[in-house]
C-alpha atoms as a PDB file:
ATOM      1  CA  MET A   1      67.719  45.896  30.847  1.00  0.00           C
ATOM      2  CA  SER A   2      64.964  47.836  29.090  1.00  0.00           C
ATOM      3  CA  ILE A   3      62.657  46.423  26.452  1.00  0.00           C
ATOM      4  CA  THR A   4      59.963  48.000  24.276  1.00  0.00           C
ATOM      5  CA  THR A   5      56.340  47.096  23.735  1.00  0.00           C
ATOM      6  CA  ALA A   6      57.327  46.187  20.160  1.00  0.00           C
ATOM      7  CA  ASP A   7      59.824  43.693  21.598  1.00  0.00           C
ATOM      8  CA  LEU A   8      57.158  42.174  23.814  1.00  0.00           C
ATOM      9  CA  ASN A   9      54.734  41.937  20.919  1.00  0.00           C
ATOM     10  CA  SER A  10      57.318  40.078  18.824  1.00  0.00           C
ATOM     11  CA  TYR A  11      58.493  37.655  21.527  1.00  0.00           C
ATOM     12  CA  SER A  12      57.502  34.038  21.597  1.00  0.00           C
ATOM     13  CA  ARG A  13      55.028  33.148  24.335  1.00  0.00           C
ATOM     14  CA  ASP A  14      57.813  31.759  26.534  1.00  0.00           C
ATOM     15  CA  GLU A  15      60.018  34.838  26.007  1.00  0.00           C
ATOM     16  CA  PHE A  16      57.081  37.129  26.814  1.00  0.00           C
ATOM     17  CA  VAL A  17      56.271  35.269  30.030  1.00  0.00           C
ATOM     18  CA  ALA A  18      59.931  35.154  31.092  1.00  0.00           C
ATOM     19  CA  ALA A  19      60.316  38.915  30.571  1.00  0.00           C
ATOM     20  CA  LEU A  20      57.251  39.755  32.690  1.00  0.00           C
ATOM     21  CA  ALA A  21      57.328  36.874  35.169  1.00  0.00           C
ATOM     22  CA  ASN A  22      58.117  39.003  38.232  1.00  0.00           C
ATOM     23  CA  ILE A  23      56.116  42.114  37.427  1.00  0.00           C
ATOM     24  CA  PHE A  24      53.744  40.485  39.900  1.00  0.00           C
ATOM     25  CA  GLU A  25      55.822  38.762  42.610  1.00  0.00           C
ATOM     26  CA  HIS A  26      56.583  35.104  41.744  1.00  0.00           C
ATOM     27  CA  SER A  27      53.397  35.010  39.602  1.00  0.00           C
ATOM     28  CA  PRO A  28      54.126  34.268  35.927  1.00  0.00           C
ATOM     29  CA  TRP A  29      50.522  33.077  35.484  1.00  0.00           C
ATOM     30  CA  ILE A  30      49.492  36.716  34.971  1.00  0.00           C
ATOM     31  CA  ALA A  31      51.867  37.165  32.037  1.00  0.00           C
ATOM     32  CA  GLU A  32      50.742  33.794  30.698  1.00  0.00           C
ATOM     33  CA  GLN A  33      47.122  34.951  30.662  1.00  0.00           C
ATOM     34  CA  VAL A  34      47.800  38.176  28.767  1.00  0.00           C
ATOM     35  CA  ALA A  35      50.282  36.725  26.257  1.00  0.00           C
ATOM     36  CA  THR A  36      47.405  35.730  23.963  1.00  0.00           C
ATOM     37  CA  GLN A  37      46.041  39.303  23.937  1.00  0.00           C
ATOM     38  CA  ARG A  38      48.964  40.722  21.970  1.00  0.00           C
ATOM     39  CA  PRO A  39      49.738  42.994  20.233  1.00  0.00           C
ATOM     40  CA  PHE A  40      49.534  45.783  22.794  1.00  0.00           C
ATOM     41  CA  ALA A  41      49.434  49.367  21.562  1.00  0.00           C
ATOM     42  CA  GLY A  42      51.502  50.545  24.528  1.00  0.00           C
ATOM     43  CA  VAL A  43      52.478  49.955  28.113  1.00  0.00           C
ATOM     44  CA  ASN A  44      49.182  51.292  29.476  1.00  0.00           C
ATOM     45  CA  ALA A  45      47.229  48.693  27.510  1.00  0.00           C
ATOM     46  CA  LEU A  46      49.620  45.983  28.676  1.00  0.00           C
ATOM     47  CA  PHE A  47      49.293  46.971  32.326  1.00  0.00           C
ATOM     48  CA  ALA A  48      45.494  47.219  32.063  1.00  0.00           C
ATOM     49  CA  ALA A  49      45.399  43.665  30.720  1.00  0.00           C
ATOM     50  CA  MET A  50      47.629  42.379  33.535  1.00  0.00           C
ATOM     51  CA  LYS A  51      45.572  44.168  36.183  1.00  0.00           C
ATOM     52  CA  ALA A  52      42.360  42.775  34.685  1.00  0.00           C
ATOM     53  CA  ALA A  53      43.817  39.254  34.944  1.00  0.00           C
ATOM     54  CA  VAL A  54      44.373  39.819  38.667  1.00  0.00           C
ATOM     55  CA  ASP A  55      40.918  41.362  39.180  1.00  0.00           C
ATOM     56  CA  ARG A  56      39.101  38.437  37.563  1.00  0.00           C
ATOM     57  CA  ALA A  57      41.168  35.767  39.304  1.00  0.00           C
ATOM     58  CA  PRO A  58      39.339  33.694  41.935  1.00  0.00           C
ATOM     59  CA  ALA A  59      39.730  34.786  45.539  1.00  0.00           C
ATOM     60  CA  GLU A  60      42.004  31.873  46.432  1.00  0.00           C
ATOM     61  CA  LEU A  61      44.435  32.775  43.644  1.00  0.00           C
ATOM     62  CA  ARG A  62      44.528  36.434  44.705  1.00  0.00           C
ATOM     63  CA  LEU A  63      45.162  35.320  48.281  1.00  0.00           C
ATOM     64  CA  ALA A  64      48.035  33.142  47.046  1.00  0.00           C
ATOM     65  CA  LEU A  65      49.447  36.187  45.220  1.00  0.00           C
ATOM     66  CA  ILE A  66      49.308  38.193  48.457  1.00  0.00           C
ATOM     67  CA  LYS A  67      51.046  35.451  50.421  1.00  0.00           C
ATOM     68  CA  LEU A  68      53.934  35.327  47.939  1.00  0.00           C
ATOM     69  CA  HIS A  69      55.073  38.768  49.080  1.00  0.00           C
ATOM     70  CA  PRO A  70      57.676  39.130  51.854  1.00  0.00           C
ATOM     71  CA  ASP A  71      57.152  40.792  55.210  1.00  0.00           C
ATOM     72  CA  LEU A  72      58.659  44.262  55.205  1.00  0.00           C
ATOM     73  CA  ALA A  73      62.079  44.586  56.830  1.00  0.00           C
ATOM     74  CA  ASP A  74      62.205  40.891  57.730  1.00  0.00           C
ATOM     75  CA  LYS A  75      65.943  40.247  57.689  1.00  0.00           C
ATOM     76  CA  THR A  76      65.562  36.460  57.495  1.00  0.00           C
ATOM     77  CA  GLN A  77      63.274  36.598  54.463  1.00  0.00           C
ATOM     78  CA  ARG A  78      65.438  39.258  52.865  1.00  0.00           C
ATOM     79  CA  ALA A  79      68.354  36.859  52.984  1.00  0.00           C
ATOM     80  CA  ALA A  80      66.354  33.856  51.855  1.00  0.00           C
ATOM     81  CA  GLY A  81      63.608  34.600  49.365  1.00  0.00           C
ATOM     82  CA  LEU A  82      63.120  38.100  47.999  1.00  0.00           C
ATOM     83  CA  THR A  83      63.047  38.667  44.272  1.00  0.00           C
ATOM     84  CA  VAL A  84      65.556  41.188  42.950  1.00  0.00           C
ATOM     85  CA  GLU A  85      62.633  43.583  42.448  1.00  0.00           C
ATOM     86  CA  SER A  86      61.412  43.278  46.054  1.00  0.00           C
ATOM     87  CA  ASP A  87      64.917  43.701  47.435  1.00  0.00           C
ATOM     88  CA  ALA A  88      65.430  46.920  45.457  1.00  0.00           C
ATOM     89  CA  GLU A  89      62.023  48.242  46.518  1.00  0.00           C
ATOM     90  CA  GLN A  90      62.617  47.673  50.219  1.00  0.00           C
ATOM     91  CA  ASN A  91      66.094  49.185  50.002  1.00  0.00           C
ATOM     92  CA  SER A  92      64.702  52.289  48.255  1.00  0.00           C
ATOM     93  CA  ALA A  93      62.799  53.158  51.443  1.00  0.00           C
ATOM     94  CA  GLY A  94      65.811  52.476  53.633  1.00  0.00           C
ATOM     95  CA  LEU A  95      64.351  49.257  55.034  1.00  0.00           C
ATOM     96  CA  ASP A  96      67.805  47.677  54.776  1.00  0.00           C
ATOM     97  CA  ARG A  97      69.209  50.362  57.103  1.00  0.00           C
ATOM     98  CA  LEU A  98      66.848  50.351  60.081  1.00  0.00           C
ATOM     99  CA  SER A  99      67.923  51.466  63.526  1.00  0.00           C
ATOM    100  CA  ASP A 100      67.168  49.093  66.402  1.00  0.00           C
ATOM    101  CA  ALA A 101      64.138  51.185  67.373  1.00  0.00           C
ATOM    102  CA  GLU A 102      62.840  51.191  63.799  1.00  0.00           C
ATOM    103  CA  TYR A 103      63.383  47.458  63.395  1.00  0.00           C
ATOM    104  CA  GLU A 104      61.512  46.773  66.629  1.00  0.00           C
ATOM    105  CA  ALA A 105      58.620  48.984  65.460  1.00  0.00           C
ATOM    106  CA  PHE A 106      58.429  47.184  62.108  1.00  0.00           C
ATOM    107  CA  GLU A 107      58.650  43.782  63.783  1.00  0.00           C
ATOM    108  CA  ARG A 108      55.833  44.704  66.181  1.00  0.00           C
ATOM    109  CA  VAL A 109      53.394  45.856  63.500  1.00  0.00           C
ATOM    110  CA  ASN A 110      54.403  43.064  61.103  1.00  0.00           C
ATOM    111  CA  ASN A 111      53.593  40.480  63.745  1.00  0.00           C
ATOM    112  CA  ALA A 112      50.320  42.162  64.734  1.00  0.00           C
ATOM    113  CA  TYR A 113      49.223  42.403  61.109  1.00  0.00           C
ATOM    114  CA  ARG A 114      50.090  38.820  60.173  1.00  0.00           C
ATOM    115  CA  SER A 115      48.515  37.509  63.388  1.00  0.00           C
ATOM    116  CA  LYS A 116      45.224  39.239  62.555  1.00  0.00           C
ATOM    117  CA  PHE A 117      45.014  38.682  58.795  1.00  0.00           C
ATOM    118  CA  GLY A 118      47.111  35.585  58.137  1.00  0.00           C
ATOM    119  CA  PHE A 119      49.055  37.190  55.292  1.00  0.00           C
ATOM    120  CA  PRO A 120      51.861  39.780  55.023  1.00  0.00           C
ATOM    121  CA  TYR A 121      51.300  43.514  55.049  1.00  0.00           C
ATOM    122  CA  ILE A 122      51.859  44.841  51.527  1.00  0.00           C
ATOM    123  CA  VAL A 123      52.504  48.422  50.491  1.00  0.00           C
ATOM    124  CA  SER A 124      54.226  50.018  47.511  1.00  0.00           C
ATOM    125  CA  VAL A 125      57.314  51.129  49.418  1.00  0.00           C
ATOM    126  CA  ARG A 126      58.597  53.332  46.582  1.00  0.00           C
ATOM    127  CA  ARG A 127      55.673  55.646  47.403  1.00  0.00           C
ATOM    128  CA  HIS A 128      56.531  55.901  51.106  1.00  0.00           C
ATOM    129  CA  THR A 129      59.125  56.857  53.667  1.00  0.00           C
ATOM    130  CA  LYS A 130      59.754  54.597  56.655  1.00  0.00           C
ATOM    131  CA  ASP A 131      57.623  56.809  58.890  1.00  0.00           C
ATOM    132  CA  SER A 132      54.671  56.829  56.497  1.00  0.00           C
ATOM    133  CA  ILE A 133      54.831  53.029  56.162  1.00  0.00           C
ATOM    134  CA  LEU A 134      54.523  52.698  59.926  1.00  0.00           C
ATOM    135  CA  ARG A 135      51.573  55.127  59.946  1.00  0.00           C
ATOM    136  CA  ASP A 136      49.924  53.137  57.151  1.00  0.00           C
ATOM    137  CA  PHE A 137      50.381  49.933  59.165  1.00  0.00           C
ATOM    138  CA  GLU A 138      48.509  51.508  62.078  1.00  0.00           C
ATOM    139  CA  ARG A 139      45.694  52.824  59.861  1.00  0.00           C
ATOM    140  CA  ARG A 140      45.119  49.444  58.245  1.00  0.00           C
ATOM    141  CA  LEU A 141      45.282  47.186  61.310  1.00  0.00           C
ATOM    142  CA  PRO A 142      41.627  47.907  62.301  1.00  0.00           C
ATOM    143  CA  ASN A 143      40.340  46.765  58.851  1.00  0.00           C
ATOM    144  CA  ASP A 144      38.508  43.483  58.297  1.00  0.00           C
ATOM    145  CA  VAL A 145      40.046  40.678  56.232  1.00  0.00           C
ATOM    146  CA  THR A 146      37.956  41.330  53.116  1.00  0.00           C
ATOM    147  CA  SER A 147      38.775  45.029  52.875  1.00  0.00           C
ATOM    148  CA  GLU A 148      42.433  44.362  53.678  1.00  0.00           C
ATOM    149  CA  MET A 149      42.688  41.747  50.926  1.00  0.00           C
ATOM    150  CA  GLN A 150      41.337  44.330  48.484  1.00  0.00           C
ATOM    151  CA  LYS A 151      43.772  46.963  49.762  1.00  0.00           C
ATOM    152  CA  SER A 152      46.645  44.465  49.413  1.00  0.00           C
ATOM    153  CA  VAL A 153      45.732  43.747  45.791  1.00  0.00           C
ATOM    154  CA  GLU A 154      45.577  47.499  45.079  1.00  0.00           C
ATOM    155  CA  GLU A 155      49.080  47.916  46.506  1.00  0.00           C
ATOM    156  CA  ILE A 156      50.343  44.898  44.539  1.00  0.00           C
ATOM    157  CA  CYS A 157      49.076  46.574  41.365  1.00  0.00           C
ATOM    158  CA  ARG A 158      50.879  49.808  42.315  1.00  0.00           C
ATOM    159  CA  ILE A 159      54.081  47.804  42.783  1.00  0.00           C
ATOM    160  CA  ALA A 160      53.563  46.068  39.451  1.00  0.00           C
ATOM    161  CA  ALA A 161      52.992  49.367  37.628  1.00  0.00           C
ATOM    162  CA  LEU A 162      56.307  50.710  38.938  1.00  0.00           C
ATOM    163  CA  ARG A 163      58.137  47.521  37.962  1.00  0.00           C
ATOM    164  CA  LEU A 164      56.632  47.618  34.486  1.00  0.00           C
ATOM    165  CA  ASP A 165      57.596  51.273  34.096  1.00  0.00           C
ATOM    166  CA  LEU A 166      61.214  50.419  34.958  1.00  0.00           C
ATOM    167  CA  LEU A 167      61.304  47.498  32.555  1.00  0.00           C
ATOM    168  CA  VAL A 168      59.416  48.687  29.474  1.00  0.00           C
ATOM    169  CA  THR A 169      60.265  51.693  27.307  1.00  0.00           C
ATOM    170  CA  ALA A 170      57.192  53.068  25.554  1.00  0.00           C
ATOM    171  CA  GLU A 171      55.924  56.304  24.035  1.00  0.00           C
ATOM    172  CA  ASP A 172      53.013  56.238  26.454  1.00  0.00           C
ATOM    173  CA  ARG A 173      54.005  56.263  30.104  1.00  0.00           C
ATOM    174  CA  LEU A 174      52.286  54.886  33.147  1.00  0.00           C
ATOM    175  CA  ALA A 175      51.190  57.579  35.606  1.00  0.00           C
ATOM    176  CA  VAL A 176      53.629  56.518  38.319  1.00  0.00           C
ATOM    177  CA  HIS A 177      56.054  59.460  38.494  1.00  0.00           C
ATOM    178  CA  GLY A 178      55.966  62.531  40.698  1.00  0.00           C
ATOM    179  CA  ARG A 179      58.224  65.562  40.930  1.00  0.00           C
ATOM    180  CA  LEU A 180      59.596  67.755  43.694  1.00  0.00           C
ATOM    181  CA  SER A 181      61.322  70.956  42.601  1.00  0.00           C
ATOM    182  CA  THR A 182      62.433  74.316  43.928  1.00  0.00           C
ATOM    183  CA  HIS A 183      63.798  77.669  42.857  1.00  0.00           C
ATOM    184  CA  VAL A 184      65.187  80.711  44.677  1.00  0.00           C
ATOM    185  CA  LEU A 185      64.331  84.327  43.896  1.00  0.00           C
ATOM    186  CA  ASP A 186      66.559  87.046  45.360  1.00  0.00           C
ATOM    187  CA  THR A 187      63.926  89.709  46.083  1.00  0.00           C
ATOM    188  CA  HIS A 188      66.674  92.051  47.344  1.00  0.00           C
ATOM    189  CA  SER A 189      68.034  92.398  43.815  1.00  0.00           C
ATOM    190  CA  GLY A 190      64.916  91.280  41.954  1.00  0.00           C
ATOM    191  CA  LYS A 191      66.778  88.444  40.207  1.00  0.00           C
ATOM    192  CA  PRO A 192      66.988  84.654  40.309  1.00  0.00           C
ATOM    193  CA  ALA A 193      69.506  83.524  42.914  1.00  0.00           C
ATOM    194  CA  ALA A 194      72.288  81.492  41.294  1.00  0.00           C
ATOM    195  CA  GLY A 195      74.826  79.447  43.212  1.00  0.00           C
ATOM    196  CA  ILE A 196      72.807  78.645  46.333  1.00  0.00           C
ATOM    197  CA  ALA A 197      73.570  75.232  47.815  1.00  0.00           C
ATOM    198  CA  VAL A 198      70.390  73.235  48.463  1.00  0.00           C
ATOM    199  CA  GLU A 199      69.886  70.043  50.483  1.00  0.00           C
ATOM    200  CA  LEU A 200      66.721  67.946  50.555  1.00  0.00           C
ATOM    201  CA  ILE A 201      66.387  66.019  53.829  1.00  0.00           C
ATOM    202  CA  GLU A 202      63.886  63.254  54.574  1.00  0.00           C
ATOM    203  CA  LEU A 203      62.800  63.740  58.179  1.00  0.00           C
ATOM    204  CA  SER A 204      62.040  60.882  60.568  1.00  0.00           C
ATOM    205  CA  ASP A 205      60.186  60.888  63.878  1.00  0.00           C
ATOM    206  CA  LEU A 206      61.542  57.509  64.969  1.00  0.00           C
ATOM    207  CA  GLY A 207      64.885  57.035  63.279  1.00  0.00           C
ATOM    208  CA  THR A 208      67.589  59.122  61.638  1.00  0.00           C
ATOM    209  CA  SER A 209      66.837  61.817  59.089  1.00  0.00           C
ATOM    210  CA  ARG A 210      68.758  61.434  55.834  1.00  0.00           C
ATOM    211  CA  VAL A 211      69.888  63.664  52.969  1.00  0.00           C
ATOM    212  CA  VAL A 212      68.017  62.668  49.802  1.00  0.00           C
ATOM    213  CA  ALA A 213      69.500  65.157  47.330  1.00  0.00           C
ATOM    214  CA  ARG A 214      72.045  67.957  47.054  1.00  0.00           C
ATOM    215  CA  ALA A 215      72.115  70.595  44.323  1.00  0.00           C
ATOM    216  CA  VAL A 216      73.193  74.137  43.491  1.00  0.00           C
ATOM    217  CA  THR A 217      70.866  76.641  41.856  1.00  0.00           C
ATOM    218  CA  ASN A 218      71.658  77.650  38.269  1.00  0.00           C
ATOM    219  CA  ALA A 219      71.418  81.019  36.523  1.00  0.00           C
ATOM    220  CA  ASP A 220      67.620  80.768  36.566  1.00  0.00           C
ATOM    221  CA  GLY A 221      67.619  80.171  40.319  1.00  0.00           C
ATOM    222  CA  ARG A 222      66.506  76.581  39.768  1.00  0.00           C
ATOM    223  CA  THR A 223      68.226  73.227  40.121  1.00  0.00           C
ATOM    224  CA  ASP A 224      69.233  71.578  36.845  1.00  0.00           C
ATOM    225  CA  ARG A 225      67.047  68.578  37.706  1.00  0.00           C
ATOM    226  CA  PRO A 226      64.131  68.160  40.120  1.00  0.00           C
ATOM    227  CA  LEU A 227      65.167  67.289  43.661  1.00  0.00           C
ATOM    228  CA  ILE A 228      63.086  64.157  43.138  1.00  0.00           C
ATOM    229  CA  GLY A 229      61.917  63.154  39.667  1.00  0.00           C
ATOM    230  CA  GLY A 230      61.388  60.144  37.434  1.00  0.00           C
ATOM    231  CA  ARG A 231      59.810  58.209  40.318  1.00  0.00           C
ATOM    232  CA  PRO A 232      57.139  58.717  42.976  1.00  0.00           C
ATOM    233  CA  VAL A 233      57.847  61.352  45.617  1.00  0.00           C
ATOM    234  CA  PRO A 234      57.570  59.273  48.808  1.00  0.00           C
ATOM    235  CA  ILE A 235      54.858  60.256  51.275  1.00  0.00           C
ATOM    236  CA  GLY A 236      56.516  61.828  54.290  1.00  0.00           C
ATOM    237  CA  LYS A 237      58.004  64.882  55.952  1.00  0.00           C
ATOM    238  CA  TYR A 238      60.891  66.808  54.397  1.00  0.00           C
ATOM    239  CA  GLU A 239      63.122  69.813  54.841  1.00  0.00           C
ATOM    240  CA  ILE A 240      64.851  71.851  52.143  1.00  0.00           C
ATOM    241  CA  LEU A 241      67.907  73.647  53.531  1.00  0.00           C
ATOM    242  CA  PHE A 242      69.027  76.735  51.593  1.00  0.00           C
ATOM    243  CA  SER A 243      72.512  78.193  52.241  1.00  0.00           C
ATOM    244  CA  VAL A 244      71.733  81.869  51.656  1.00  0.00           C
ATOM    245  CA  GLY A 245      74.392  83.457  53.893  1.00  0.00           C
ATOM    246  CA  ASP A 246      77.243  82.517  51.551  1.00  0.00           C
ATOM    247  CA  TYR A 247      75.185  83.637  48.552  1.00  0.00           C
ATOM    248  CA  PHE A 248      74.690  87.198  49.846  1.00  0.00           C
ATOM    249  CA  ALA A 249      78.259  87.399  51.194  1.00  0.00           C
ATOM    250  CA  ASN A 250      79.654  86.423  47.778  1.00  0.00           C
ATOM    251  CA  ARG A 251      77.642  89.264  46.227  1.00  0.00           C
ATOM    252  CA  GLN A 252      79.080  91.726  48.763  1.00  0.00           C
ATOM    253  CA  VAL A 253      75.658  92.555  50.193  1.00  0.00           C
ATOM    254  CA  PRO A 254      76.169  94.284  53.581  1.00  0.00           C
ATOM    255  CA  LEU A 255      75.344  91.745  56.305  1.00  0.00           C
ATOM    256  CA  SER A 256      75.405  91.610  60.080  1.00  0.00           C
ATOM    257  CA  ASP A 257      78.100  89.467  61.707  1.00  0.00           C
ATOM    258  CA  PRO A 258      76.985  86.745  62.040  1.00  0.00           C
ATOM    259  CA  PRO A 259      74.411  87.121  59.237  1.00  0.00           C
ATOM    260  CA  PHE A 260      70.771  87.368  60.319  1.00  0.00           C
ATOM    261  CA  LEU A 261      69.859  84.602  57.847  1.00  0.00           C
ATOM    262  CA  ASP A 262      72.469  81.979  57.063  1.00  0.00           C
ATOM    263  CA  ARG A 263      70.876  78.576  56.363  1.00  0.00           C
ATOM    264  CA  ILE A 264      67.104  78.624  55.898  1.00  0.00           C
ATOM    265  CA  PRO A 265      65.151  75.398  56.531  1.00  0.00           C
ATOM    266  CA  ILE A 266      61.700  74.983  54.973  1.00  0.00           C
ATOM    267  CA  ARG A 267      59.759  72.031  56.343  1.00  0.00           C
ATOM    268  CA  PHE A 268      56.804  70.538  54.491  1.00  0.00           C
ATOM    269  CA  ALA A 269      55.029  67.234  53.870  1.00  0.00           C
ATOM    270  CA  VAL A 270      54.274  65.196  50.746  1.00  0.00           C
ATOM    271  CA  SER A 271      50.939  63.378  50.490  1.00  0.00           C
ATOM    272  CA  GLU A 272      50.603  62.764  46.720  1.00  0.00           C
ATOM    273  CA  PRO A 273      53.491  60.627  45.418  1.00  0.00           C
ATOM    274  CA  GLU A 274      52.507  61.066  41.767  1.00  0.00           C
ATOM    275  CA  GLY A 275      51.889  64.801  42.105  1.00  0.00           C
ATOM    276  CA  HIS A 276      54.072  67.748  41.150  1.00  0.00           C
ATOM    277  CA  LEU A 277      55.135  69.794  44.189  1.00  0.00           C
ATOM    278  CA  HIS A 278      57.171  72.993  43.893  1.00  0.00           C
ATOM    279  CA  VAL A 279      58.666  74.581  47.042  1.00  0.00           C
ATOM    280  CA  PRO A 280      60.286  77.933  46.182  1.00  0.00           C
ATOM    281  CA  LEU A 281      62.177  80.403  48.344  1.00  0.00           C
ATOM    282  CA  LEU A 282      61.832  84.195  48.049  1.00  0.00           C
ATOM    283  CA  VAL A 283      64.628  85.727  50.086  1.00  0.00           C
ATOM    284  CA  THR A 284      66.451  88.897  51.153  1.00  0.00           C
ATOM    285  CA  PRO A 285      69.240  89.097  53.744  1.00  0.00           C
ATOM    286  CA  TRP A 286      66.547  89.821  56.387  1.00  0.00           C
ATOM    287  CA  SER A 287      63.385  87.987  55.332  1.00  0.00           C
ATOM    288  CA  TYR A 288      62.044  85.034  53.374  1.00  0.00           C
ATOM    289  CA  ALA A 289      58.781  83.488  52.181  1.00  0.00           C
ATOM    290  CA  THR A 290      57.580  80.357  50.462  1.00  0.00           C
ATOM    291  CA  TYR A 291      54.383  78.882  49.056  1.00  0.00           C
ATOM    292  CA  ARG A 292      53.089  75.625  47.637  1.00  0.00           C
ATOM    293  CA  GLY A 293      53.546  75.575  43.885  1.00  0.00           C
ATOM    294  CA  SER A 294      53.136  72.895  41.243  1.00  0.00           C
END
């Protein structure tokens, strides 16, 4: 269900609070505080007001907000207490499909983190792959409690911004979306390469790599839609696999048997989830090149 800022401005106080109650996990008090600040000109003003309510809250209330979040990949808590929003977020990173090795790794760092800090590790999982979450765990474990509480609140606000973006339709948009795109140029003929099958694969060091998107290039040598768009591009390692052998064979270009280049993998990493990353392929039957575009 999508609502507009005009809807929120017109709601009664109770309707407003009910609509935004889980933007911050199990914490309707934040919506209650900003209800009196209406009308909001747009979703950015609304989110700024909600974030300000969190920032000015006393330390004990912010700690309570942190503790309301579930441990990542905790199967017992997933079954018992996650909000719909949290469940969808964890599933988006594949945390509902962990291998035994991955589950053991998450359980180890979860336990180490909670033992040290006394509250759950929190990260905006829509901005991460499983591997990058585990790396983030390891980076943050050496922190002290004060800095980790601040980092947790920052991540909670990232989560809230994504939830608000999904819920509220507005002319102004929150800066929470990234884009990953590609195109193929046939430098043998000097034209865009149409009809090339493309696969985007999320790579994993610990678990199983998975196909994120499949597409076929159009007459402009591009995919009709970004390989990832309308959401953050999760931090992690990827491969785009281009099936160029069939493309050149279908155009009756003389090829060796088997063809010198058949399926070309380009491996790269994403570090800016809200950025725009373009990974093109320039190809002939005997050579190829790429570069980082935007």
